[in-house]
Amino acid sequence: MSTTRTPLSKTARGVYRAIDALDASVDFDPPLRELVRLRASQLNGCAWCVDQHSRDAQDGGDDPRRIHSVAVWRETPFFDSRERAALALTEAMTLLPQTGVPDDVYADAAREFTPEELGNLMGAIIAINAWNRVGVATGMQPPLELPTAVA
C-alpha cells in the first residue's frame, strides 16, 4: 500500500520558494550544471529529477551519449578535466556522510574553476541535493507520457 504524499509546494510554500530562490541564485555554466544536476539526482534516486535533467541536458544541446554516460563518467572518454572535476565534487558533496569532500577532489575543482565559479558550482550541488530530497520525500514521479519516436 502506498501513502499519498503532499507536495511541499502546497504544505510549506515558504520552504519551497526558498529552495527555488537558492537554485535561481546560482550563476554557473548551464550545460555543465545540467550534468551536475543529473549526477546528483542519480545518486539520490530522484526519478523526477533524473528524467527532467536528462531532458534539459539534451534540449540544451548535449550529446545523448554523454548524458547516458554520466553515471559512469570515470569510465568514458566523453568528459574533459573541468567536467570530471565538477562531477567528482558533485559526488563527494552528495555522498557527504560516506565520503566527506576529500582534499584532492576539492583541489582538482579549485584548479579547474575560478573561486566564483567554484562557489556557484557548490551552490548548484547544494540546490539540486535540496530538490532531490523534496522529490524523493514527496514521491515525485516523471510524467508517464513518453515522446513518440520519429519514423
N, C-alpha and C. Protein backbone atom coordinates (compact mmCIF):
# COMPACT_ATOMS: atom_id res chain seq x y z
N MET A 1 0.84 -1.18 0.00
CA MET A 1 0.00 0.00 0.00
C MET A 1 0.89 1.25 0.00
N SER A 2 0.55 2.19 -0.84
CA SER A 2 1.33 3.41 -0.98
C SER A 2 0.66 4.56 -0.23
N THR A 3 1.45 5.36 0.41
CA THR A 3 0.95 6.52 1.12
C THR A 3 0.92 7.71 0.16
N THR A 4 -0.18 8.41 0.12
CA THR A 4 -0.27 9.62 -0.70
C THR A 4 0.56 10.70 -0.02
N ARG A 5 1.40 11.32 -0.81
CA ARG A 5 2.29 12.35 -0.27
C ARG A 5 1.91 13.70 -0.85
N THR A 6 1.89 14.70 -0.01
CA THR A 6 1.50 16.04 -0.42
C THR A 6 2.73 16.81 -0.88
N PRO A 7 2.63 17.50 -1.99
CA PRO A 7 3.76 18.29 -2.48
C PRO A 7 4.17 19.39 -1.49
N LEU A 8 5.46 19.56 -1.34
CA LEU A 8 6.00 20.60 -0.47
C LEU A 8 5.52 21.98 -0.91
N SER A 9 5.30 22.14 -2.21
CA SER A 9 4.85 23.44 -2.73
C SER A 9 3.48 23.83 -2.17
N LYS A 10 2.74 22.85 -1.67
CA LYS A 10 1.43 23.13 -1.08
C LYS A 10 1.47 23.17 0.44
N THR A 11 2.36 22.42 1.05
CA THR A 11 2.37 22.32 2.51
C THR A 11 3.33 23.29 3.18
N ALA A 12 4.38 23.68 2.48
CA ALA A 12 5.38 24.58 3.05
C ALA A 12 5.88 25.50 1.94
N ARG A 13 5.01 26.37 1.52
CA ARG A 13 5.31 27.24 0.37
C ARG A 13 6.56 28.08 0.57
N GLY A 14 6.77 28.57 1.79
CA GLY A 14 7.95 29.37 2.06
C GLY A 14 9.23 28.58 1.88
N VAL A 15 9.24 27.34 2.34
CA VAL A 15 10.41 26.47 2.18
C VAL A 15 10.64 26.20 0.70
N TYR A 16 9.57 25.88 0.01
CA TYR A 16 9.66 25.59 -1.43
C TYR A 16 10.22 26.81 -2.18
N ARG A 17 9.70 27.99 -1.87
CA ARG A 17 10.18 29.21 -2.52
C ARG A 17 11.64 29.49 -2.17
N ALA A 18 12.05 29.18 -0.94
CA ALA A 18 13.44 29.41 -0.54
C ALA A 18 14.40 28.50 -1.33
N ILE A 19 14.03 27.25 -1.53
CA ILE A 19 14.86 26.34 -2.33
C ILE A 19 14.91 26.84 -3.77
N ASP A 20 13.77 27.26 -4.27
CA ASP A 20 13.71 27.80 -5.63
C ASP A 20 14.60 29.04 -5.77
N ALA A 21 14.57 29.91 -4.76
CA ALA A 21 15.40 31.12 -4.79
C ALA A 21 16.89 30.76 -4.74
N LEU A 22 17.25 29.76 -3.92
CA LEU A 22 18.63 29.30 -3.88
C LEU A 22 19.06 28.81 -5.26
N ASP A 23 18.24 27.98 -5.86
CA ASP A 23 18.54 27.43 -7.18
C ASP A 23 18.67 28.55 -8.21
N ALA A 24 17.78 29.52 -8.17
CA ALA A 24 17.80 30.63 -9.13
C ALA A 24 19.01 31.54 -8.93
N SER A 25 19.59 31.54 -7.73
CA SER A 25 20.73 32.41 -7.45
C SER A 25 22.04 31.89 -8.03
N VAL A 26 22.07 30.64 -8.45
CA VAL A 26 23.29 30.02 -8.96
C VAL A 26 23.59 30.53 -10.36
N ASP A 27 24.81 31.03 -10.55
CA ASP A 27 25.27 31.53 -11.85
C ASP A 27 26.42 30.62 -12.28
N PHE A 28 26.08 29.58 -13.04
CA PHE A 28 27.08 28.58 -13.40
C PHE A 28 26.79 28.05 -14.80
N ASP A 29 27.82 27.70 -15.51
CA ASP A 29 27.79 27.13 -16.86
C ASP A 29 26.58 26.21 -17.05
N PRO A 30 25.55 26.65 -17.81
CA PRO A 30 24.31 25.87 -17.92
C PRO A 30 24.47 24.42 -18.38
N PRO A 31 25.24 24.11 -19.43
CA PRO A 31 25.36 22.70 -19.82
C PRO A 31 26.00 21.83 -18.73
N LEU A 32 27.03 22.35 -18.09
CA LEU A 32 27.69 21.59 -17.03
C LEU A 32 26.79 21.50 -15.81
N ARG A 33 26.03 22.52 -15.55
CA ARG A 33 25.08 22.50 -14.44
C ARG A 33 24.08 21.36 -14.61
N GLU A 34 23.62 21.12 -15.84
CA GLU A 34 22.68 20.02 -16.06
C GLU A 34 23.33 18.67 -15.78
N LEU A 35 24.61 18.51 -16.14
CA LEU A 35 25.30 17.25 -15.84
C LEU A 35 25.44 17.06 -14.33
N VAL A 36 25.74 18.13 -13.62
CA VAL A 36 25.83 18.10 -12.16
C VAL A 36 24.48 17.72 -11.57
N ARG A 37 23.43 18.35 -12.05
CA ARG A 37 22.08 18.05 -11.56
C ARG A 37 21.72 16.59 -11.82
N LEU A 38 22.06 16.12 -13.00
CA LEU A 38 21.76 14.74 -13.36
C LEU A 38 22.52 13.77 -12.46
N ARG A 39 23.80 14.00 -12.26
CA ARG A 39 24.60 13.05 -11.46
C ARG A 39 24.13 13.02 -10.01
N ALA A 40 23.89 14.15 -9.41
CA ALA A 40 23.39 14.16 -8.03
C ALA A 40 22.04 13.45 -7.95
N SER A 41 21.19 13.69 -8.92
CA SER A 41 19.86 13.08 -8.92
C SER A 41 19.95 11.56 -9.07
N GLN A 42 20.90 11.09 -9.87
CA GLN A 42 21.11 9.64 -9.98
C GLN A 42 21.53 9.07 -8.63
N LEU A 43 22.47 9.71 -7.99
CA LEU A 43 22.96 9.23 -6.69
C LEU A 43 21.88 9.23 -5.62
N ASN A 44 21.01 10.23 -5.68
CA ASN A 44 19.95 10.36 -4.68
C ASN A 44 18.70 9.55 -5.01
N GLY A 45 18.65 8.96 -6.20
CA GLY A 45 17.49 8.16 -6.58
C GLY A 45 16.24 8.97 -6.81
N CYS A 46 16.40 10.19 -7.32
CA CYS A 46 15.25 11.06 -7.60
C CYS A 46 14.82 10.88 -9.05
N ALA A 47 13.81 10.03 -9.25
CA ALA A 47 13.36 9.70 -10.60
C ALA A 47 12.90 10.93 -11.37
N TRP A 48 12.16 11.81 -10.71
CA TRP A 48 11.66 13.00 -11.39
C TRP A 48 12.83 13.84 -11.89
N CYS A 49 13.82 14.08 -11.03
CA CYS A 49 14.95 14.94 -11.40
C CYS A 49 15.84 14.29 -12.46
N VAL A 50 16.04 12.97 -12.39
CA VAL A 50 16.84 12.30 -13.43
C VAL A 50 16.17 12.50 -14.78
N ASP A 51 14.86 12.29 -14.84
CA ASP A 51 14.13 12.49 -16.08
C ASP A 51 14.23 13.94 -16.55
N GLN A 52 13.95 14.87 -15.66
CA GLN A 52 13.94 16.30 -16.01
C GLN A 52 15.31 16.76 -16.50
N HIS A 53 16.36 16.45 -15.78
CA HIS A 53 17.67 16.99 -16.13
C HIS A 53 18.31 16.26 -17.30
N SER A 54 17.93 15.01 -17.55
CA SER A 54 18.35 14.33 -18.77
C SER A 54 17.75 15.04 -19.98
N ARG A 55 16.45 15.34 -19.89
CA ARG A 55 15.79 16.05 -20.99
C ARG A 55 16.34 17.47 -21.15
N ASP A 56 16.56 18.15 -20.03
CA ASP A 56 17.10 19.52 -20.10
C ASP A 56 18.49 19.54 -20.74
N ALA A 57 19.32 18.56 -20.40
CA ALA A 57 20.66 18.49 -20.99
C ALA A 57 20.57 18.26 -22.49
N GLN A 58 19.70 17.37 -22.90
CA GLN A 58 19.54 17.11 -24.32
C GLN A 58 18.95 18.32 -25.03
N ASP A 59 17.94 18.95 -24.44
CA ASP A 59 17.34 20.15 -25.02
C ASP A 59 18.37 21.28 -25.12
N GLY A 60 19.35 21.29 -24.20
CA GLY A 60 20.41 22.30 -24.22
C GLY A 60 21.51 22.00 -25.22
N GLY A 61 21.39 20.88 -25.93
CA GLY A 61 22.35 20.56 -26.97
C GLY A 61 23.40 19.53 -26.61
N ASP A 62 23.36 18.99 -25.40
CA ASP A 62 24.37 17.99 -25.03
C ASP A 62 24.09 16.69 -25.79
N ASP A 63 25.15 15.97 -26.06
CA ASP A 63 25.07 14.72 -26.81
C ASP A 63 24.42 13.63 -25.96
N PRO A 64 23.46 12.89 -26.52
CA PRO A 64 22.81 11.83 -25.76
C PRO A 64 23.78 10.79 -25.19
N ARG A 65 24.85 10.48 -25.90
CA ARG A 65 25.83 9.51 -25.37
C ARG A 65 26.45 10.02 -24.07
N ARG A 66 26.77 11.30 -24.03
CA ARG A 66 27.33 11.87 -22.79
C ARG A 66 26.30 11.82 -21.67
N ILE A 67 25.07 12.19 -21.99
CA ILE A 67 24.01 12.20 -20.98
C ILE A 67 23.82 10.80 -20.40
N HIS A 68 23.77 9.80 -21.28
CA HIS A 68 23.58 8.42 -20.83
C HIS A 68 24.79 7.91 -20.05
N SER A 69 25.93 8.54 -20.25
CA SER A 69 27.16 8.07 -19.61
C SER A 69 27.52 8.79 -18.33
N VAL A 70 26.71 9.73 -17.90
CA VAL A 70 27.02 10.47 -16.67
C VAL A 70 27.20 9.53 -15.48
N ALA A 71 26.41 8.48 -15.42
CA ALA A 71 26.51 7.53 -14.30
C ALA A 71 27.85 6.81 -14.26
N VAL A 72 28.52 6.74 -15.40
CA VAL A 72 29.82 6.05 -15.48
C VAL A 72 30.89 6.99 -16.04
N TRP A 73 30.83 8.24 -15.64
CA TRP A 73 31.70 9.26 -16.21
C TRP A 73 33.18 8.95 -16.08
N ARG A 74 33.58 8.25 -15.04
CA ARG A 74 35.00 7.92 -14.86
C ARG A 74 35.48 6.91 -15.91
N GLU A 75 34.58 6.09 -16.42
CA GLU A 75 34.95 5.01 -17.34
C GLU A 75 34.83 5.40 -18.81
N THR A 76 34.42 6.62 -19.11
CA THR A 76 34.24 7.02 -20.51
C THR A 76 35.21 8.14 -20.88
N PRO A 77 35.45 8.31 -22.17
CA PRO A 77 36.31 9.40 -22.62
C PRO A 77 35.52 10.68 -22.94
N PHE A 78 34.24 10.73 -22.58
CA PHE A 78 33.36 11.80 -23.04
C PHE A 78 33.44 13.09 -22.25
N PHE A 79 34.18 13.12 -21.15
CA PHE A 79 34.17 14.29 -20.27
C PHE A 79 35.58 14.84 -20.12
N ASP A 80 35.70 16.17 -20.19
CA ASP A 80 37.01 16.80 -20.06
C ASP A 80 37.36 16.98 -18.58
N SER A 81 38.53 17.52 -18.30
CA SER A 81 39.01 17.63 -16.92
C SER A 81 38.12 18.55 -16.08
N ARG A 82 37.60 19.59 -16.67
CA ARG A 82 36.70 20.51 -15.95
C ARG A 82 35.41 19.80 -15.55
N GLU A 83 34.83 19.07 -16.49
CA GLU A 83 33.60 18.32 -16.20
C GLU A 83 33.86 17.22 -15.17
N ARG A 84 34.98 16.55 -15.28
CA ARG A 84 35.33 15.49 -14.33
C ARG A 84 35.49 16.06 -12.91
N ALA A 85 36.11 17.22 -12.82
CA ALA A 85 36.27 17.86 -11.50
C ALA A 85 34.91 18.22 -10.92
N ALA A 86 34.02 18.73 -11.75
CA ALA A 86 32.67 19.09 -11.28
C ALA A 86 31.89 17.85 -10.86
N LEU A 87 31.98 16.79 -11.63
CA LEU A 87 31.26 15.56 -11.29
C LEU A 87 31.83 14.90 -10.03
N ALA A 88 33.14 14.95 -9.87
CA ALA A 88 33.75 14.39 -8.65
C ALA A 88 33.30 15.18 -7.42
N LEU A 89 33.28 16.50 -7.52
CA LEU A 89 32.83 17.32 -6.40
C LEU A 89 31.34 17.07 -6.13
N THR A 90 30.57 16.91 -7.19
CA THR A 90 29.15 16.61 -7.03
C THR A 90 28.97 15.32 -6.24
N GLU A 91 29.71 14.29 -6.61
CA GLU A 91 29.60 13.01 -5.90
C GLU A 91 30.01 13.16 -4.44
N ALA A 92 31.12 13.84 -4.20
CA ALA A 92 31.59 13.99 -2.82
C ALA A 92 30.59 14.76 -1.97
N MET A 93 30.05 15.86 -2.50
CA MET A 93 29.10 16.65 -1.72
C MET A 93 27.76 15.94 -1.56
N THR A 94 27.38 15.13 -2.54
CA THR A 94 26.12 14.41 -2.46
C THR A 94 26.23 13.24 -1.49
N LEU A 95 27.38 12.59 -1.47
CA LEU A 95 27.62 11.46 -0.58
C LEU A 95 28.38 11.88 0.67
N LEU A 96 28.18 13.09 1.09
CA LEU A 96 28.93 13.71 2.18
C LEU A 96 29.09 12.82 3.41
N PRO A 97 28.03 12.20 3.93
CA PRO A 97 28.23 11.37 5.12
C PRO A 97 29.18 10.19 4.90
N GLN A 98 29.20 9.64 3.70
CA GLN A 98 30.05 8.48 3.43
C GLN A 98 31.48 8.86 3.10
N THR A 99 31.66 9.96 2.38
CA THR A 99 32.99 10.27 1.84
C THR A 99 33.59 11.57 2.33
N GLY A 100 32.77 12.48 2.82
CA GLY A 100 33.28 13.83 3.05
C GLY A 100 33.67 14.42 1.70
N VAL A 101 34.40 15.52 1.71
CA VAL A 101 34.94 16.08 0.47
C VAL A 101 36.45 15.96 0.59
N PRO A 102 37.02 14.92 -0.04
CA PRO A 102 38.46 14.72 0.04
C PRO A 102 39.24 15.93 -0.48
N ASP A 103 40.40 16.17 0.12
CA ASP A 103 41.23 17.30 -0.28
C ASP A 103 41.57 17.27 -1.77
N ASP A 104 41.87 16.09 -2.32
CA ASP A 104 42.23 16.03 -3.74
C ASP A 104 41.06 16.39 -4.64
N VAL A 105 39.85 16.02 -4.25
CA VAL A 105 38.67 16.35 -5.05
C VAL A 105 38.45 17.86 -5.03
N TYR A 106 38.55 18.47 -3.87
CA TYR A 106 38.39 19.91 -3.77
C TYR A 106 39.50 20.63 -4.54
N ALA A 107 40.75 20.15 -4.39
CA ALA A 107 41.89 20.78 -5.08
C ALA A 107 41.73 20.70 -6.59
N ASP A 108 41.27 19.57 -7.11
CA ASP A 108 41.03 19.44 -8.56
C ASP A 108 40.00 20.46 -9.02
N ALA A 109 38.92 20.59 -8.27
CA ALA A 109 37.88 21.55 -8.63
C ALA A 109 38.42 22.98 -8.56
N ALA A 110 39.20 23.27 -7.53
CA ALA A 110 39.76 24.62 -7.37
C ALA A 110 40.73 24.96 -8.49
N ARG A 111 41.40 23.97 -9.06
CA ARG A 111 42.29 24.21 -10.21
C ARG A 111 41.50 24.48 -11.49
N GLU A 112 40.34 23.88 -11.63
CA GLU A 112 39.56 23.98 -12.86
C GLU A 112 38.63 25.19 -12.90
N PHE A 113 38.27 25.72 -11.73
CA PHE A 113 37.27 26.78 -11.66
C PHE A 113 37.82 27.98 -10.91
N THR A 114 37.40 29.18 -11.32
CA THR A 114 37.73 30.37 -10.55
C THR A 114 37.03 30.26 -9.20
N PRO A 115 37.43 31.05 -8.22
CA PRO A 115 36.73 31.00 -6.93
C PRO A 115 35.22 31.26 -7.06
N GLU A 116 34.84 32.19 -7.93
CA GLU A 116 33.42 32.48 -8.11
C GLU A 116 32.70 31.30 -8.75
N GLU A 117 33.34 30.69 -9.76
CA GLU A 117 32.74 29.52 -10.40
C GLU A 117 32.62 28.37 -9.40
N LEU A 118 33.65 28.17 -8.61
CA LEU A 118 33.62 27.09 -7.62
C LEU A 118 32.51 27.32 -6.60
N GLY A 119 32.36 28.54 -6.16
CA GLY A 119 31.27 28.85 -5.23
C GLY A 119 29.91 28.59 -5.84
N ASN A 120 29.74 28.95 -7.11
CA ASN A 120 28.47 28.70 -7.79
C ASN A 120 28.26 27.22 -8.09
N LEU A 121 29.34 26.50 -8.40
CA LEU A 121 29.24 25.05 -8.57
C LEU A 121 28.75 24.42 -7.27
N MET A 122 29.34 24.81 -6.17
CA MET A 122 28.91 24.28 -4.87
C MET A 122 27.45 24.66 -4.59
N GLY A 123 27.07 25.88 -4.96
CA GLY A 123 25.67 26.29 -4.80
C GLY A 123 24.74 25.43 -5.63
N ALA A 124 25.15 25.10 -6.86
CA ALA A 124 24.33 24.25 -7.73
C ALA A 124 24.19 22.85 -7.13
N ILE A 125 25.26 22.33 -6.56
CA ILE A 125 25.22 21.00 -5.94
C ILE A 125 24.32 21.02 -4.71
N ILE A 126 24.43 22.05 -3.91
CA ILE A 126 23.57 22.18 -2.72
C ILE A 126 22.10 22.28 -3.14
N ALA A 127 21.82 23.09 -4.16
CA ALA A 127 20.44 23.27 -4.61
C ALA A 127 19.83 21.98 -5.15
N ILE A 128 20.57 21.25 -6.00
CA ILE A 128 19.98 20.02 -6.56
C ILE A 128 19.81 18.97 -5.47
N ASN A 129 20.71 18.93 -4.51
CA ASN A 129 20.52 17.98 -3.41
C ASN A 129 19.27 18.33 -2.60
N ALA A 130 18.99 19.61 -2.43
CA ALA A 130 17.76 20.02 -1.75
C ALA A 130 16.55 19.59 -2.57
N TRP A 131 16.57 19.86 -3.88
CA TRP A 131 15.45 19.46 -4.74
C TRP A 131 15.27 17.94 -4.74
N ASN A 132 16.38 17.20 -4.77
CA ASN A 132 16.28 15.74 -4.75
C ASN A 132 15.59 15.26 -3.48
N ARG A 133 15.89 15.89 -2.37
CA ARG A 133 15.26 15.49 -1.11
C ARG A 133 13.75 15.79 -1.13
N VAL A 134 13.40 16.90 -1.76
CA VAL A 134 11.98 17.21 -1.92
C VAL A 134 11.33 16.15 -2.81
N GLY A 135 11.95 15.86 -3.94
CA GLY A 135 11.38 14.91 -4.89
C GLY A 135 11.23 13.51 -4.33
N VAL A 136 12.26 13.03 -3.65
CA VAL A 136 12.20 11.67 -3.09
C VAL A 136 11.22 11.61 -1.92
N ALA A 137 11.29 12.59 -1.03
CA ALA A 137 10.43 12.56 0.16
C ALA A 137 8.95 12.70 -0.18
N THR A 138 8.64 13.44 -1.25
CA THR A 138 7.23 13.62 -1.61
C THR A 138 6.79 12.67 -2.71
N GLY A 139 7.67 11.78 -3.14
CA GLY A 139 7.31 10.77 -4.12
C GLY A 139 7.05 11.29 -5.52
N MET A 140 7.75 12.35 -5.91
CA MET A 140 7.55 12.90 -7.26
C MET A 140 7.98 11.88 -8.31
N GLN A 141 7.19 11.74 -9.35
CA GLN A 141 7.46 10.82 -10.44
C GLN A 141 7.46 11.58 -11.76
N PRO A 142 8.28 11.13 -12.71
CA PRO A 142 8.23 11.78 -14.03
C PRO A 142 6.91 11.49 -14.69
N PRO A 143 6.51 12.35 -15.64
CA PRO A 143 5.25 12.09 -16.35
C PRO A 143 5.35 10.78 -17.12
N LEU A 144 4.23 10.08 -17.23
CA LEU A 144 4.20 8.79 -17.92
C LEU A 144 4.29 8.92 -19.43
N GLU A 145 3.91 10.06 -19.96
CA GLU A 145 3.92 10.22 -21.40
C GLU A 145 5.36 10.28 -21.89
N LEU A 146 5.69 9.38 -22.78
CA LEU A 146 6.99 9.39 -23.41
C LEU A 146 6.85 10.01 -24.79
N PRO A 147 7.89 10.70 -25.26
CA PRO A 147 7.80 11.30 -26.59
C PRO A 147 7.66 10.18 -27.62
N THR A 148 6.92 10.45 -28.65
CA THR A 148 6.77 9.45 -29.70
C THR A 148 8.00 9.46 -30.60
N ALA A 149 8.41 8.27 -31.01
CA ALA A 149 9.58 8.14 -31.87
C ALA A 149 9.24 8.65 -33.26
N VAL A 150 10.21 9.31 -33.86
CA VAL A 150 10.05 9.79 -35.22
C VAL A 150 10.50 8.70 -36.16
N ALA A 151 9.64 8.31 -37.08
CA ALA A 151 9.98 7.22 -38.01
C ALA A 151 10.76 7.71 -39.19
